[in-house]
């Protein structure tokens, strides 16, 4: 479990909402295109657990620009794994929110 401040939580909510609307602040179009086919198909593995831990570290960064800098410092494979975890969260969050409106 990750503990975040109220400000960090609001920023994460904002990022997820923006991504759900197609406004991707952390990842560029080429990354999204590259990983799109593998979204939703991640099984539990060491790679996924590492990506989740890195995503948690990224969330703790205070600003969106520092979050992007953190991501850009990752090697290409790790960056893609973190992006997959992030977009799976976006998809799951959007599906959960859809359920609340019906």
Protein backbone atom coordinates (compact mmCIF):
# COMPACT_ATOMS: atom_id res chain seq x y z
CA UNK A 1 0.00 0.00 0.00
CA UNK A 2 1.21 3.49 -0.79
CA UNK A 3 0.59 6.49 1.40
CA UNK A 4 0.23 9.84 -0.32
CA UNK A 5 -0.65 13.32 0.83
CA UNK A 6 -4.00 14.87 -0.04
CA UNK A 7 -2.27 17.04 -2.69
CA UNK A 8 -0.60 14.00 -4.25
CA UNK A 9 -3.91 12.13 -4.26
CA UNK A 10 -5.64 15.02 -6.01
CA UNK A 11 -2.85 15.15 -8.59
CA UNK A 12 -3.14 11.40 -9.25
CA UNK A 13 -6.91 11.73 -9.64
CA UNK A 14 -6.34 14.59 -12.06
CA UNK A 15 -3.84 12.59 -14.13
CA UNK A 16 -6.15 9.57 -14.29
CA UNK A 17 -9.14 11.73 -15.26
CA UNK A 18 -7.16 13.50 -17.95
CA UNK A 19 -5.92 10.19 -19.35
CA UNK A 20 -9.46 8.81 -19.36
CA UNK A 21 -10.43 11.82 -21.52
CA UNK A 22 -7.50 11.15 -23.88
CA UNK A 23 -5.28 13.93 -22.57
CA UNK A 24 -2.15 11.98 -21.66
CA UNK A 25 0.16 14.21 -19.64
CA UNK A 26 2.77 11.59 -18.73
CA UNK A 27 3.12 9.49 -21.87
CA UNK A 28 3.39 10.47 -25.53
CA UNK A 29 1.38 9.09 -28.43
CA UNK A 30 4.19 6.83 -29.66
CA UNK A 31 4.38 5.11 -26.26
CA UNK A 32 0.64 4.62 -26.15
CA UNK A 33 0.64 3.19 -29.67
CA UNK A 34 3.55 0.87 -28.86
CA UNK A 35 1.92 -0.62 -25.74
CA UNK A 36 -1.76 -0.50 -26.77
CA UNK A 37 -2.01 -4.11 -27.95
CA UNK A 38 -0.73 -5.48 -24.65
CA UNK A 39 -2.98 -3.48 -22.32
CA UNK A 40 -5.20 -5.55 -20.09
CA UNK A 41 -3.20 -8.71 -20.62
CA UNK A 42 -0.63 -8.32 -17.87
CA UNK A 43 -0.25 -11.30 -15.59
CA UNK A 44 1.45 -11.04 -12.23
CA UNK A 45 5.20 -11.25 -12.69
CA UNK A 46 8.37 -9.74 -11.33
CA UNK A 47 8.34 -7.23 -14.21
CA UNK A 48 4.82 -6.09 -13.33
CA UNK A 49 5.63 -5.86 -9.63
CA UNK A 50 8.74 -3.81 -10.41
CA UNK A 51 6.69 -1.54 -12.69
CA UNK A 52 4.08 -1.08 -9.95
CA UNK A 53 6.78 -0.15 -7.43
CA UNK A 54 8.25 2.36 -9.88
CA UNK A 55 4.80 3.80 -10.53
CA UNK A 56 4.40 4.29 -6.78
CA UNK A 57 7.77 6.08 -6.67
CA UNK A 58 6.68 8.27 -9.58
CA UNK A 59 3.41 9.17 -7.84
CA UNK A 60 5.37 10.49 -4.86
CA UNK A 61 7.14 13.06 -7.04
CA UNK A 62 5.72 16.50 -6.23
CA UNK A 63 5.01 17.86 -9.72
CA UNK A 64 3.90 16.57 -13.09
CA UNK A 65 7.20 17.64 -14.63
CA UNK A 66 9.16 15.74 -11.96
CA UNK A 67 6.96 12.70 -12.61
CA UNK A 68 7.76 12.92 -16.33
CA UNK A 69 11.48 13.32 -15.59
CA UNK A 70 11.37 10.23 -13.38
CA UNK A 71 9.72 8.22 -16.15
CA UNK A 72 12.10 9.48 -18.83
CA UNK A 73 15.08 8.32 -16.74
CA UNK A 74 13.89 4.69 -16.96
CA UNK A 75 15.26 2.32 -19.59
CA UNK A 76 12.92 1.75 -22.56
CA UNK A 77 11.58 -1.66 -21.49
CA UNK A 78 10.92 -0.55 -17.92
CA UNK A 79 9.30 2.67 -19.17
CA UNK A 80 6.91 0.61 -21.31
CA UNK A 81 6.08 -1.71 -18.39
CA UNK A 82 5.29 1.27 -16.16
CA UNK A 83 3.14 2.76 -18.93
CA UNK A 84 1.21 -0.52 -19.22
CA UNK A 85 0.54 -0.58 -15.48
CA UNK A 86 -0.52 3.08 -15.57
CA UNK A 87 -2.93 2.60 -18.46
CA UNK A 88 -4.38 -0.54 -16.90
CA UNK A 89 -5.14 1.61 -13.85
CA UNK A 90 -6.70 4.25 -16.11
CA UNK A 91 -8.89 1.60 -17.77
CA UNK A 92 -9.91 0.05 -14.45
CA UNK A 93 -10.69 3.45 -12.94
CA UNK A 94 -12.79 4.44 -15.95
CA UNK A 95 -14.71 1.16 -15.77
CA UNK A 96 -15.32 1.57 -12.04
CA UNK A 97 -16.52 5.15 -12.52
CA UNK A 98 -18.83 4.03 -15.31
CA UNK A 99 -20.45 1.61 -12.92
CA UNK A 100 -21.25 4.41 -10.48
CA UNK A 101 -23.14 6.46 -13.05
CA UNK A 102 -25.65 3.74 -13.97
